[in-house]
């Protein structure tokens, strides 16, 4: 029974598209909830929760779009975040107490099941450093401080009565917009507002810089490698093969005579196969950035991607493209060429199709040669 369930597990891209659909539905439901009345009108705490869910549902939808993008790139952290946000989307649909939120609840619950079944599809580790993680924690801490502090001091503020008011005041103050509709009435409240003005913009600026800065640096580094590529070379081609199976084995045997070859594979038996040969082996996930760095893909002339899984091929291409501008060739029998090319592949090859074309072409050439011979014989006879 378990084997049957495993064999019918959906592919990673199904989970990505489902999370995207939940995100768009959450945004639409949140917008409609703002302008319509709930089917069941609650009061007190549940009334506040109902009001908050009306506005936060849209924000939740945009957050889900971010996690869908991360899942498309294979990040495990994005997968975990998507699971938490999809569950929260289902809770939002229930809290909104509207008939129009029923599809959101149903789709979210179905999405949770698909996410559980596709857990093994998302294994790429995040590349966030200690500084980036620290700034993320800092910005979460500042906004928590602002929301909790302003709500605790709500009696000392004008027009600040609910948790939503506290969240609004924190965002407006930290972003230095300052509409002035909520303002402090006492010295204690003013001192708190000053502390939020000092901490908020500074933390937001540091967070944006630490998260976007490395990406810009990486792009500039890739541009520099591309500019230097024509002048680089020691006379030896280097080919990195991502993945190893029966198909890859024959390709590696052929490439060994023409270039320096390095294989990246999770199969521990691969190391023993190449023990007496000049082929390098890196034990690791072909989609893991650390494994590709150990294989020195930055200095590779070309990369051959041929893992057994279509989604794994996509993740390997995405990871490799961030580290090198070398030519990437994907060898797959059932992959989506358009998706792989969008991920960064230069060439997508189907071995079965190539073999069929070769057989048909050879048969056509043989038939043409036979016809030509027959015509020549007839001419001589005449």
Protein backbone atom coordinates (compact mmCIF):
# COMPACT_ATOMS: atom_id res chain seq x y z
CA UNK A 1 0.00 0.00 0.00
CA UNK A 2 2.79 2.43 0.94
CA UNK A 3 4.68 1.58 -2.25
CA UNK A 4 1.56 2.35 -4.28
CA UNK A 5 1.21 5.75 -2.58
CA UNK A 6 4.88 6.56 -3.16
CA UNK A 7 4.62 5.62 -6.84
CA UNK A 8 1.72 8.07 -7.31
CA UNK A 9 3.30 11.01 -5.52
CA UNK A 10 2.77 14.26 -7.43
CA UNK A 11 5.74 16.10 -8.88
CA UNK A 12 7.20 19.20 -7.30
CA UNK A 13 5.80 21.56 -9.92
CA UNK A 14 2.27 20.43 -8.99
CA UNK A 15 2.86 21.67 -5.44
CA UNK A 16 4.29 24.95 -6.76
CA UNK A 17 1.27 25.63 -8.96
CA UNK A 18 -1.12 24.65 -6.17
CA UNK A 19 0.54 27.05 -3.71
CA UNK A 20 0.34 29.76 -6.38
CA UNK A 21 -3.38 29.06 -6.84
CA UNK A 22 -3.96 29.24 -3.07
CA UNK A 23 -2.06 32.54 -2.97
CA UNK A 24 -4.18 34.11 -5.71
CA UNK A 25 -7.40 32.80 -4.16
CA UNK A 26 -6.35 34.16 -0.75
CA UNK A 27 -5.74 37.60 -2.28
CA UNK A 28 -9.09 37.56 -4.09
CA UNK A 29 -10.97 36.30 -1.02
CA UNK A 30 -9.32 38.92 1.18
CA UNK A 31 -10.26 41.75 -1.18
CA UNK A 32 -13.87 40.58 -1.49
CA UNK A 33 -14.11 40.05 2.28
CA UNK A 34 -13.31 43.72 2.85
CA UNK A 35 -16.33 44.89 0.87
CA UNK A 36 -18.85 42.23 1.95
CA UNK A 37 -20.49 41.35 5.24
CA UNK A 38 -19.72 38.02 6.95
CA UNK A 39 -22.34 35.28 6.96
CA UNK A 40 -21.90 34.94 10.75
CA UNK A 41 -21.20 38.21 12.57
CA UNK A 42 -19.02 37.62 15.66
CA UNK A 43 -18.19 39.96 18.54
CA UNK A 44 -15.47 40.33 21.13
CA UNK A 45 -12.25 38.43 20.49
CA UNK A 46 -13.70 36.46 17.58
CA UNK A 47 -14.98 39.67 16.08
CA UNK A 48 -11.48 41.17 16.21
CA UNK A 49 -10.07 37.97 14.69
CA UNK A 50 -12.68 38.15 11.95
CA UNK A 51 -11.77 41.77 11.16
CA UNK A 52 -8.04 41.04 11.12
CA UNK A 53 -8.48 38.05 8.81
CA UNK A 54 -10.30 40.21 6.29
CA UNK A 55 -7.28 42.44 5.79
CA UNK A 56 -4.44 40.02 6.48
CA UNK A 57 -5.71 37.45 3.97
CA UNK A 58 -4.46 39.58 1.10
CA UNK A 59 -1.04 40.02 2.73
CA UNK A 60 -0.94 36.27 3.34
CA UNK A 61 -1.60 35.68 -0.36
CA UNK A 62 1.39 37.77 -1.41
CA UNK A 63 3.56 35.95 1.14
CA UNK A 64 2.46 32.65 -0.42
CA UNK A 65 3.53 33.92 -3.84
CA UNK A 66 7.01 34.50 -2.43
CA UNK A 67 7.15 30.96 -1.03
CA UNK A 68 5.92 29.56 -4.38
CA UNK A 69 8.85 31.28 -6.09
CA UNK A 70 11.21 29.76 -3.50
CA UNK A 71 9.68 26.31 -4.02
CA UNK A 72 10.13 26.67 -7.78
CA UNK A 73 13.83 27.08 -7.06
CA UNK A 74 13.74 24.00 -4.80
CA UNK A 75 14.37 25.66 -1.42
CA UNK A 76 13.46 23.55 1.58
CA UNK A 77 12.85 26.64 3.73
CA UNK A 78 10.31 27.95 1.21
CA UNK A 79 8.54 24.57 1.29
CA UNK A 80 8.28 24.64 5.09
CA UNK A 81 7.08 28.27 5.07
CA UNK A 82 4.51 27.43 2.40
CA UNK A 83 3.13 24.61 4.57
CA UNK A 84 2.68 26.97 7.53
CA UNK A 85 1.12 29.71 5.37
CA UNK A 86 -1.25 27.31 3.59
CA UNK A 87 -2.48 26.11 6.98
CA UNK A 88 -2.88 29.74 8.02
CA UNK A 89 -4.82 30.40 4.80
CA UNK A 90 -7.28 27.67 5.78
CA UNK A 91 -7.66 29.25 9.23
CA UNK A 92 -8.21 32.64 7.56
CA UNK A 93 -10.97 31.18 5.42
CA UNK A 94 -12.73 29.80 8.51
CA UNK A 95 -12.26 33.02 10.50
CA UNK A 96 -13.72 35.15 7.71
CA UNK A 97 -17.04 33.29 8.15
CA UNK A 98 -18.17 33.77 4.57
CA UNK A 99 -19.50 31.37 1.97
CA UNK A 100 -17.04 32.81 -0.54
CA UNK A 101 -14.15 31.66 1.68
CA UNK A 102 -15.19 27.97 1.45
CA UNK A 103 -13.15 27.35 -1.76
CA UNK A 104 -10.09 28.79 -0.01
CA UNK A 105 -10.51 26.41 2.92
CA UNK A 106 -11.02 23.37 0.66
CA UNK A 107 -8.11 24.22 -1.64
CA UNK A 108 -5.82 24.93 1.32
CA UNK A 109 -6.58 21.59 2.95
CA UNK A 110 -5.95 19.84 -0.35
CA UNK A 111 -2.73 21.82 -0.72
CA UNK A 112 -1.52 20.57 2.66
CA UNK A 113 -1.96 16.99 1.50
CA UNK A 114 -0.01 17.64 -1.71
CA UNK A 115 2.76 19.40 0.22
CA UNK A 116 3.12 16.40 2.52
CA UNK A 117 3.37 14.05 -0.46
CA UNK A 118 5.99 16.21 -2.20
CA UNK A 119 8.23 16.74 0.81
CA UNK A 120 11.16 14.94 -0.79
CA UNK A 121 11.03 17.18 -3.89
CA UNK A 122 12.37 20.26 -2.10
CA UNK A 123 15.84 19.67 -0.70
CA UNK A 124 17.85 22.73 -1.69
CA UNK A 125 19.41 24.47 1.31
CA UNK A 126 19.19 28.22 1.73
CA UNK A 127 22.21 30.39 1.10
CA UNK A 128 21.40 32.89 3.85
CA UNK A 129 24.43 33.81 5.92
CA UNK A 130 24.60 34.66 9.60
CA UNK A 131 24.22 38.40 8.86
CA UNK A 132 21.13 37.86 6.73
CA UNK A 133 19.49 35.60 9.30
CA UNK A 134 20.33 38.12 12.00
CA UNK A 135 18.70 40.99 10.11
CA UNK A 136 15.59 38.91 9.45
CA UNK A 137 15.31 38.15 13.16
CA UNK A 138 15.90 41.83 13.92
CA UNK A 139 13.12 43.08 11.65
CA UNK A 140 10.68 40.51 13.06
CA UNK A 141 11.69 41.61 16.56
CA UNK A 142 11.24 45.31 15.78
CA UNK A 143 7.77 44.86 14.31
CA UNK A 144 6.77 42.59 17.21
CA UNK A 145 8.10 45.23 19.63
CA UNK A 146 6.17 47.99 17.86
CA UNK A 147 2.90 46.07 17.70
CA UNK A 148 3.02 44.76 21.27
CA UNK A 149 4.25 48.06 22.74
CA UNK A 150 1.73 50.31 20.99
CA UNK A 151 -1.13 47.96 21.86
CA UNK A 152 -0.04 47.85 25.51
CA UNK A 153 0.06 51.68 25.54
CA UNK A 154 -3.14 52.07 23.50
CA UNK A 155 -4.75 54.21 26.24
CA UNK A 156 -1.96 56.78 25.71
CA UNK A 157 -2.56 57.00 21.94
CA UNK A 158 -5.36 58.69 20.05
CA UNK A 159 -7.38 56.37 17.75
CA UNK A 160 -5.45 53.22 18.71
CA UNK A 161 -7.88 50.63 20.07
CA UNK A 162 -7.25 47.24 18.47
CA UNK A 163 -4.36 44.96 17.52
CA UNK A 164 -4.92 45.89 13.88
CA UNK A 165 -4.50 49.56 14.84
CA UNK A 166 -1.21 48.65 16.54
CA UNK A 167 0.03 46.79 13.45
CA UNK A 168 -0.97 49.71 11.25
CA UNK A 169 0.78 52.25 13.50
CA UNK A 170 3.96 50.13 13.56
CA UNK A 171 4.12 49.79 9.78
CA UNK A 172 3.35 53.46 9.14
CA UNK A 173 5.90 54.67 11.71
CA UNK A 174 8.67 52.23 10.71
CA UNK A 175 8.29 53.15 7.05
CA UNK A 176 8.50 56.88 7.98
CA UNK A 177 5.20 57.56 6.21
CA UNK A 178 3.54 58.98 9.34
CA UNK A 179 -0.04 59.83 8.36
CA UNK A 180 -0.69 61.31 11.80
CA UNK A 181 -4.13 59.75 12.28
CA UNK A 182 -2.75 57.80 15.27
CA UNK A 183 -0.54 59.91 17.53
CA UNK A 184 0.77 59.76 21.11
CA UNK A 185 -0.94 61.74 23.88
CA UNK A 186 1.54 61.30 26.76
CA UNK A 187 5.29 61.64 27.23
CA UNK A 188 5.68 57.87 27.66
CA UNK A 189 3.87 57.22 24.40
CA UNK A 190 6.00 59.84 22.62
CA UNK A 191 9.22 58.21 23.88
CA UNK A 192 7.96 54.86 22.63
CA UNK A 193 7.14 56.37 19.22
CA UNK A 194 10.65 57.90 19.07
CA UNK A 195 12.24 54.52 19.78
CA UNK A 196 10.18 52.97 16.99
CA UNK A 197 11.21 55.75 14.60
CA UNK A 198 14.88 55.11 15.41
CA UNK A 199 14.71 51.30 15.23
CA UNK A 200 12.22 50.81 12.38
CA UNK A 201 13.77 52.52 9.33
CA UNK A 202 17.29 51.46 10.35
CA UNK A 203 16.31 47.80 10.61
CA UNK A 204 14.35 47.88 7.33
CA UNK A 205 17.34 49.44 5.54
CA UNK A 206 19.78 46.89 6.94
CA UNK A 207 17.47 44.01 6.04
CA UNK A 208 17.01 45.15 2.44
CA UNK A 209 20.75 45.70 2.08
CA UNK A 210 21.75 42.34 3.52
CA UNK A 211 19.24 40.38 1.44
CA UNK A 212 19.56 42.17 -1.90
CA UNK A 213 23.27 43.05 -1.66
CA UNK A 214 24.60 39.47 -2.02
CA UNK A 215 22.33 38.87 -5.03
CA UNK A 216 23.68 41.99 -6.75
CA UNK A 217 27.22 40.94 -5.91
CA UNK A 218 26.56 37.49 -7.34
CA UNK A 219 25.21 38.97 -10.58
CA UNK A 220 28.24 41.24 -10.92
CA UNK A 221 30.54 38.31 -10.24
CA UNK A 222 28.87 36.26 -12.97
CA UNK A 223 29.19 39.19 -15.37
CA UNK A 224 32.90 39.40 -14.58
CA UNK A 225 33.35 35.66 -15.19
CA UNK A 226 31.55 35.99 -18.51
CA UNK A 227 33.83 38.86 -19.56
CA UNK A 228 36.96 36.92 -18.64
CA UNK A 229 35.80 33.64 -20.17
CA UNK A 230 37.41 34.12 -23.63
CA UNK A 231 40.82 34.72 -22.03
CA UNK A 232 40.56 31.81 -19.62
CA UNK A 233 41.70 28.33 -20.43
CA UNK A 234 44.56 25.95 -19.80
CA UNK A 235 43.98 23.75 -22.83
CA UNK A 236 41.86 21.20 -20.94
CA UNK A 237 38.08 20.99 -21.08
CA UNK A 238 36.37 20.28 -17.78
CA UNK A 239 32.93 18.70 -17.73
CA UNK A 240 30.88 18.29 -14.57
CA UNK A 241 28.20 15.60 -14.68
CA UNK A 242 25.28 16.10 -12.28
CA UNK A 243 23.68 12.76 -11.50
CA UNK A 244 24.67 9.20 -12.34
CA UNK A 245 22.61 6.30 -13.69
CA UNK A 246 22.71 3.76 -16.54
CA UNK A 247 22.36 6.49 -19.17
CA UNK A 248 24.99 8.73 -17.60
CA UNK A 249 27.43 5.84 -17.26
CA UNK A 250 27.83 5.44 -21.02
CA UNK A 251 28.14 9.20 -21.50
CA UNK A 252 30.85 9.47 -18.84
CA UNK A 253 32.81 6.65 -20.49
CA UNK A 254 32.78 8.56 -23.76
CA UNK A 255 33.61 11.95 -22.22
CA UNK A 256 36.55 10.57 -20.24
CA UNK A 257 38.68 10.37 -23.38
CA UNK A 258 38.09 14.00 -24.35
CA UNK A 259 38.00 16.05 -21.11
CA UNK A 260 38.50 16.12 -17.36
CA UNK A 261 35.28 14.71 -15.92
CA UNK A 262 33.81 15.13 -12.43
CA UNK A 263 30.60 13.38 -11.32
CA UNK A 264 28.29 14.71 -8.59
CA UNK A 265 26.02 12.01 -7.20
CA UNK A 266 24.33 10.88 -3.99
CA UNK A 267 25.07 7.25 -4.88
CA UNK A 268 27.90 6.13 -2.58
CA UNK A 269 28.71 3.23 -4.91
CA UNK A 270 29.83 5.66 -7.62
CA UNK A 271 33.08 6.40 -5.75
CA UNK A 272 34.05 2.73 -5.94
CA UNK A 273 33.34 2.54 -9.67
CA UNK A 274 35.82 5.28 -10.48
CA UNK A 275 38.44 4.32 -7.91
CA UNK A 276 41.08 3.39 -10.53
CA UNK A 277 40.12 5.98 -13.13
CA UNK A 278 40.88 9.67 -13.59
CA UNK A 279 37.24 10.69 -13.09
CA UNK A 280 36.58 12.89 -10.07
CA UNK A 281 33.64 12.18 -7.78
CA UNK A 282 31.82 14.50 -5.38
CA UNK A 283 29.36 12.83 -3.01
CA UNK A 284 26.37 15.13 -2.64
CA UNK A 285 23.05 16.31 -4.00
CA UNK A 286 23.40 17.56 -7.63
CA UNK A 287 21.04 20.42 -6.70
CA UNK A 288 22.99 21.43 -3.59
CA UNK A 289 25.13 24.56 -3.96
CA UNK A 290 27.83 23.30 -1.59
CA UNK A 291 28.26 20.08 -3.60
CA UNK A 292 28.58 22.00 -6.85
CA UNK A 293 31.15 24.32 -5.31
CA UNK A 294 33.19 21.28 -4.25
CA UNK A 295 33.00 20.08 -7.86
CA UNK A 296 34.34 23.49 -8.92
CA UNK A 297 31.61 24.13 -11.48
CA UNK A 298 32.76 27.76 -11.77
CA UNK A 299 35.74 26.52 -13.80
CA UNK A 300 33.78 23.99 -15.87
CA UNK A 301 33.65 24.19 -19.65
CA UNK A 302 30.23 22.49 -19.70
CA UNK A 303 27.79 20.74 -17.39
CA UNK A 304 25.77 17.62 -18.16
CA UNK A 305 22.62 17.28 -16.05
CA UNK A 306 21.09 13.80 -16.07
CA UNK A 307 19.46 12.89 -12.75
CA UNK A 308 16.66 10.35 -12.58
CA UNK A 309 14.04 12.93 -11.54
CA UNK A 310 12.65 15.73 -13.72
CA UNK A 311 12.21 18.14 -10.80
CA UNK A 312 15.73 17.38 -9.59
CA UNK A 313 17.03 18.26 -13.06
CA UNK A 314 15.36 21.67 -12.82
CA UNK A 315 16.77 22.36 -9.35
CA UNK A 316 20.24 21.26 -10.46
CA UNK A 317 20.09 23.59 -13.48
CA UNK A 318 18.93 26.54 -11.36
CA UNK A 319 21.68 26.00 -8.79
CA UNK A 320 24.38 25.50 -11.42
CA UNK A 321 23.32 28.56 -13.40
CA UNK A 322 23.85 30.73 -10.32
CA UNK A 323 27.44 29.48 -10.02
CA UNK A 324 28.63 29.39 -13.62
CA UNK A 325 27.99 30.66 -17.13
CA UNK A 326 29.23 27.45 -18.72
CA UNK A 327 27.05 25.63 -21.23
CA UNK A 328 24.47 23.41 -19.49
CA UNK A 329 23.13 20.35 -21.32
CA UNK A 330 20.22 18.40 -19.84
CA UNK A 331 19.68 14.78 -20.81
CA UNK A 332 16.11 13.69 -20.02
CA UNK A 333 13.48 11.40 -21.51
CA UNK A 334 10.31 12.87 -20.00
CA UNK A 335 11.29 16.38 -18.90
CA UNK A 336 9.71 19.63 -20.02
CA UNK A 337 12.21 21.33 -22.40
CA UNK A 338 10.60 24.76 -22.03
CA UNK A 339 10.71 24.64 -18.23
CA UNK A 340 14.31 23.43 -18.24
CA UNK A 341 15.37 26.17 -20.66
CA UNK A 342 13.64 28.78 -18.51
CA UNK A 343 15.56 27.41 -15.53
CA UNK A 344 18.82 28.09 -17.36
CA UNK A 345 19.59 25.08 -19.56
CA UNK A 346 21.19 25.79 -22.94
CA UNK A 347 20.32 22.46 -24.57
CA UNK A 348 17.73 19.79 -23.64
CA UNK A 349 18.34 16.38 -25.21
CA UNK A 350 16.02 13.37 -25.33
CA UNK A 351 18.22 10.25 -25.85
CA UNK A 352 15.32 8.16 -27.11
CA UNK A 353 14.33 10.76 -29.68
CA UNK A 354 17.93 11.13 -30.83
CA UNK A 355 18.22 7.38 -31.30
CA UNK A 356 14.94 7.19 -33.21
CA UNK A 357 15.99 10.07 -35.48
CA UNK A 358 19.37 8.41 -36.08
CA UNK A 359 17.70 5.10 -37.03
CA UNK A 360 15.18 6.78 -39.33
CA UNK A 361 17.89 8.94 -40.89
CA UNK A 362 20.14 5.95 -41.46
CA UNK A 363 17.28 3.97 -42.99
CA UNK A 364 16.43 6.90 -45.29
CA UNK A 365 20.04 7.23 -46.40
CA UNK A 366 20.25 3.47 -47.06
CA UNK A 367 17.04 3.55 -49.10
CA UNK A 368 18.27 6.57 -51.08
CA UNK A 369 21.58 4.83 -51.77
CA UNK A 370 19.76 1.66 -52.93
CA UNK A 371 17.52 3.67 -55.27
CA UNK A 372 20.52 5.50 -56.69
CA UNK A 373 22.32 2.18 -57.30
CA UNK A 374 19.27 0.78 -59.07
CA UNK A 375 19.03 3.81 -61.35
CA UNK A 376 22.73 3.57 -62.18
CA UNK A 377 22.38 -0.14 -63.05
CA UNK A 378 19.40 0.59 -65.28
CA UNK A 379 21.32 3.33 -67.10
CA UNK A 380 24.23 1.00 -67.77
CA UNK A 381 21.88 -1.73 -69.02
CA UNK A 382 20.27 0.68 -71.40
